[in-house]
Amino acid sequence: MLVRFFGTAKALAGADSIELAVEGGTLAQLIERLGEQCGPEMKALLPFCRFANGSEVLDLSSAVPRAGELVVLPPVSGG
């Protein structure tokens, strides 16, 4: 599965996207794997991010699709 990063998540990952083998499980389990792979700063950010697959926003209990693209959307602020 292609995991695509935006904003702060992109900066912390050091890449626009990564390929991640997905063997089922929930979004919560995938977030844990992403944190381990991308480092402690990313691991600290991930609980505050939203995740989408296509036009569907996923919650922590959502089953992770085996294929497709997962988008990581970090929190934003503006003024």
N, C-alpha and C. Protein backbone atom coordinates (compact mmCIF):
# COMPACT_ATOMS: atom_id res chain seq x y z
N MET A 1 0.84 -1.16 0.00
CA MET A 1 0.00 0.00 0.00
C MET A 1 0.89 1.23 0.00
N LEU A 2 0.50 2.22 -0.78
CA LEU A 2 1.20 3.48 -0.80
C LEU A 2 0.67 4.35 0.34
N VAL A 3 1.57 4.83 1.18
CA VAL A 3 1.20 5.75 2.26
C VAL A 3 1.75 7.12 1.86
N ARG A 4 0.85 8.08 1.67
CA ARG A 4 1.23 9.41 1.19
C ARG A 4 1.13 10.41 2.35
N PHE A 5 2.17 11.23 2.51
CA PHE A 5 2.25 12.19 3.61
C PHE A 5 2.07 13.61 3.10
N PHE A 6 1.51 14.46 3.95
CA PHE A 6 1.35 15.87 3.65
C PHE A 6 1.79 16.71 4.84
N GLY A 7 2.15 17.97 4.58
CA GLY A 7 2.49 18.92 5.63
C GLY A 7 3.61 18.44 6.55
N THR A 8 3.39 18.60 7.83
CA THR A 8 4.38 18.23 8.84
C THR A 8 4.73 16.75 8.76
N ALA A 9 3.75 15.91 8.47
CA ALA A 9 4.02 14.47 8.37
C ALA A 9 5.01 14.19 7.24
N LYS A 10 4.89 14.91 6.15
CA LYS A 10 5.82 14.76 5.02
C LYS A 10 7.24 15.14 5.45
N ALA A 11 7.35 16.24 6.18
CA ALA A 11 8.67 16.68 6.64
C ALA A 11 9.29 15.66 7.60
N LEU A 12 8.50 15.13 8.50
CA LEU A 12 9.02 14.17 9.48
C LEU A 12 9.36 12.82 8.84
N ALA A 13 8.58 12.42 7.83
CA ALA A 13 8.85 11.16 7.16
C ALA A 13 10.07 11.27 6.25
N GLY A 14 10.38 12.49 5.82
CA GLY A 14 11.50 12.70 4.91
C GLY A 14 11.21 12.25 3.50
N ALA A 15 9.94 12.09 3.18
CA ALA A 15 9.54 11.63 1.84
C ALA A 15 8.07 11.99 1.62
N ASP A 16 7.70 12.08 0.34
CA ASP A 16 6.29 12.30 -0.01
C ASP A 16 5.44 11.10 0.32
N SER A 17 6.05 9.91 0.16
CA SER A 17 5.30 8.67 0.36
C SER A 17 6.25 7.51 0.61
N ILE A 18 5.69 6.44 1.15
CA ILE A 18 6.43 5.19 1.33
C ILE A 18 5.52 4.04 0.93
N GLU A 19 6.12 2.93 0.58
CA GLU A 19 5.37 1.69 0.34
C GLU A 19 5.39 0.90 1.64
N LEU A 20 4.25 0.38 2.03
CA LEU A 20 4.15 -0.39 3.27
C LEU A 20 3.35 -1.65 2.98
N ALA A 21 3.93 -2.80 3.30
CA ALA A 21 3.21 -4.05 3.13
C ALA A 21 2.10 -4.13 4.18
N VAL A 22 0.90 -4.39 3.75
CA VAL A 22 -0.25 -4.47 4.65
C VAL A 22 -0.79 -5.88 4.63
N GLU A 23 -0.94 -6.44 5.79
CA GLU A 23 -1.44 -7.81 5.91
C GLU A 23 -2.74 -7.83 6.70
N GLY A 24 -3.56 -6.83 6.49
CA GLY A 24 -4.81 -6.73 7.23
C GLY A 24 -4.60 -5.96 8.51
N GLY A 25 -5.53 -6.07 9.42
CA GLY A 25 -5.46 -5.36 10.68
C GLY A 25 -6.23 -4.05 10.65
N THR A 26 -6.10 -3.32 11.73
CA THR A 26 -6.83 -2.07 11.88
C THR A 26 -5.91 -0.87 11.64
N LEU A 27 -6.54 0.28 11.51
CA LEU A 27 -5.77 1.50 11.35
C LEU A 27 -4.87 1.72 12.56
N ALA A 28 -5.34 1.43 13.75
CA ALA A 28 -4.52 1.59 14.96
C ALA A 28 -3.23 0.78 14.86
N GLN A 29 -3.31 -0.44 14.35
CA GLN A 29 -2.12 -1.28 14.19
C GLN A 29 -1.19 -0.70 13.13
N LEU A 30 -1.76 -0.18 12.06
CA LEU A 30 -0.95 0.42 11.00
C LEU A 30 -0.24 1.67 11.50
N ILE A 31 -0.91 2.48 12.32
CA ILE A 31 -0.30 3.67 12.88
C ILE A 31 0.91 3.28 13.73
N GLU A 32 0.79 2.23 14.49
CA GLU A 32 1.91 1.75 15.31
C GLU A 32 3.10 1.38 14.42
N ARG A 33 2.85 0.67 13.33
CA ARG A 33 3.91 0.29 12.40
C ARG A 33 4.56 1.51 11.75
N LEU A 34 3.74 2.48 11.36
CA LEU A 34 4.27 3.71 10.76
C LEU A 34 5.17 4.45 11.74
N GLY A 35 4.75 4.52 12.99
CA GLY A 35 5.56 5.18 14.00
C GLY A 35 6.90 4.51 14.20
N GLU A 36 6.89 3.18 14.19
CA GLU A 36 8.14 2.44 14.35
C GLU A 36 9.06 2.64 13.14
N GLN A 37 8.48 2.69 11.96
CA GLN A 37 9.27 2.81 10.74
C GLN A 37 9.78 4.23 10.52
N CYS A 38 8.99 5.24 10.89
CA CYS A 38 9.33 6.62 10.54
C CYS A 38 9.99 7.40 11.68
N GLY A 39 10.13 6.82 12.85
CA GLY A 39 10.86 7.48 13.93
C GLY A 39 10.00 8.08 15.02
N PRO A 40 10.64 8.49 16.11
CA PRO A 40 9.92 8.96 17.29
C PRO A 40 9.14 10.26 17.09
N GLU A 41 9.65 11.17 16.27
CA GLU A 41 8.90 12.42 16.04
C GLU A 41 7.61 12.15 15.29
N MET A 42 7.68 11.28 14.29
CA MET A 42 6.47 10.91 13.55
C MET A 42 5.52 10.14 14.46
N LYS A 43 6.06 9.26 15.27
CA LYS A 43 5.22 8.48 16.20
C LYS A 43 4.45 9.41 17.12
N ALA A 44 5.07 10.51 17.55
CA ALA A 44 4.40 11.48 18.41
C ALA A 44 3.32 12.26 17.67
N LEU A 45 3.50 12.47 16.36
CA LEU A 45 2.53 13.23 15.57
C LEU A 45 1.32 12.39 15.15
N LEU A 46 1.52 11.12 14.87
CA LEU A 46 0.47 10.28 14.28
C LEU A 46 -0.86 10.25 15.05
N PRO A 47 -0.86 10.27 16.38
CA PRO A 47 -2.16 10.26 17.08
C PRO A 47 -3.02 11.50 16.79
N PHE A 48 -2.42 12.56 16.27
CA PHE A 48 -3.15 13.78 15.99
C PHE A 48 -3.54 13.92 14.52
N CYS A 49 -3.15 12.96 13.71
CA CYS A 49 -3.43 12.98 12.27
C CYS A 49 -4.75 12.31 11.96
N ARG A 50 -5.26 12.61 10.78
CA ARG A 50 -6.43 11.92 10.21
C ARG A 50 -5.90 11.07 9.06
N PHE A 51 -6.63 10.02 8.73
CA PHE A 51 -6.20 9.08 7.71
C PHE A 51 -7.37 8.82 6.76
N ALA A 52 -7.05 8.78 5.48
CA ALA A 52 -8.10 8.56 4.48
C ALA A 52 -7.64 7.54 3.45
N ASN A 53 -8.60 6.80 2.93
CA ASN A 53 -8.39 5.87 1.83
C ASN A 53 -9.43 6.23 0.79
N GLY A 54 -8.96 6.79 -0.32
CA GLY A 54 -9.90 7.30 -1.31
C GLY A 54 -10.65 8.47 -0.70
N SER A 55 -11.96 8.45 -0.75
CA SER A 55 -12.76 9.53 -0.17
C SER A 55 -13.26 9.19 1.23
N GLU A 56 -12.83 8.06 1.77
CA GLU A 56 -13.28 7.62 3.09
C GLU A 56 -12.26 7.97 4.17
N VAL A 57 -12.71 8.71 5.19
CA VAL A 57 -11.88 9.00 6.34
C VAL A 57 -12.01 7.81 7.30
N LEU A 58 -10.88 7.28 7.72
CA LEU A 58 -10.87 6.09 8.56
C LEU A 58 -10.79 6.45 10.03
N ASP A 59 -11.36 5.58 10.89
CA ASP A 59 -11.15 5.75 12.32
C ASP A 59 -10.25 4.61 12.80
N LEU A 60 -9.83 4.65 14.05
CA LEU A 60 -8.84 3.70 14.57
C LEU A 60 -9.26 2.25 14.44
N SER A 61 -10.56 1.98 14.47
CA SER A 61 -11.02 0.59 14.38
C SER A 61 -11.27 0.13 12.94
N SER A 62 -11.10 1.05 11.98
CA SER A 62 -11.33 0.70 10.57
C SER A 62 -10.34 -0.36 10.11
N ALA A 63 -10.84 -1.30 9.31
CA ALA A 63 -9.95 -2.28 8.69
C ALA A 63 -9.14 -1.57 7.61
N VAL A 64 -7.86 -1.86 7.57
CA VAL A 64 -6.98 -1.24 6.57
C VAL A 64 -7.08 -2.04 5.28
N PRO A 65 -7.40 -1.37 4.17
CA PRO A 65 -7.44 -2.08 2.89
C PRO A 65 -6.06 -2.61 2.53
N ARG A 66 -6.01 -3.73 1.85
CA ARG A 66 -4.73 -4.34 1.48
C ARG A 66 -4.04 -3.62 0.32
N ALA A 67 -4.79 -2.85 -0.42
CA ALA A 67 -4.23 -2.15 -1.57
C ALA A 67 -4.78 -0.73 -1.60
N GLY A 68 -4.23 0.05 -2.49
CA GLY A 68 -4.70 1.41 -2.63
C GLY A 68 -3.72 2.38 -2.02
N GLU A 69 -4.27 3.50 -1.56
CA GLU A 69 -3.43 4.57 -1.04
C GLU A 69 -4.01 5.05 0.29
N LEU A 70 -3.16 5.18 1.28
CA LEU A 70 -3.54 5.74 2.56
C LEU A 70 -2.93 7.12 2.64
N VAL A 71 -3.74 8.12 2.94
CA VAL A 71 -3.29 9.50 3.02
C VAL A 71 -3.21 9.88 4.49
N VAL A 72 -2.06 10.44 4.91
CA VAL A 72 -1.86 10.90 6.28
C VAL A 72 -1.98 12.42 6.28
N LEU A 73 -2.99 12.92 6.99
CA LEU A 73 -3.27 14.36 7.04
C LEU A 73 -2.98 14.87 8.44
N PRO A 74 -1.91 15.63 8.61
CA PRO A 74 -1.57 16.15 9.94
C PRO A 74 -2.51 17.30 10.31
N PRO A 75 -2.55 17.64 11.59
CA PRO A 75 -3.37 18.79 11.98
C PRO A 75 -2.82 20.06 11.34
N VAL A 76 -3.69 21.00 11.10
CA VAL A 76 -3.27 22.27 10.50
C VAL A 76 -3.74 23.41 11.39
N SER A 77 -3.08 24.52 11.28
CA SER A 77 -3.52 25.71 11.98
C SER A 77 -3.37 26.88 11.04
N GLY A 78 -4.08 27.90 11.30
CA GLY A 78 -4.01 29.07 10.43
C GLY A 78 -4.39 30.30 11.22
N GLY A 79 -4.35 31.37 10.53
CA GLY A 79 -4.69 32.60 11.23
C GLY A 79 -5.14 33.64 10.27
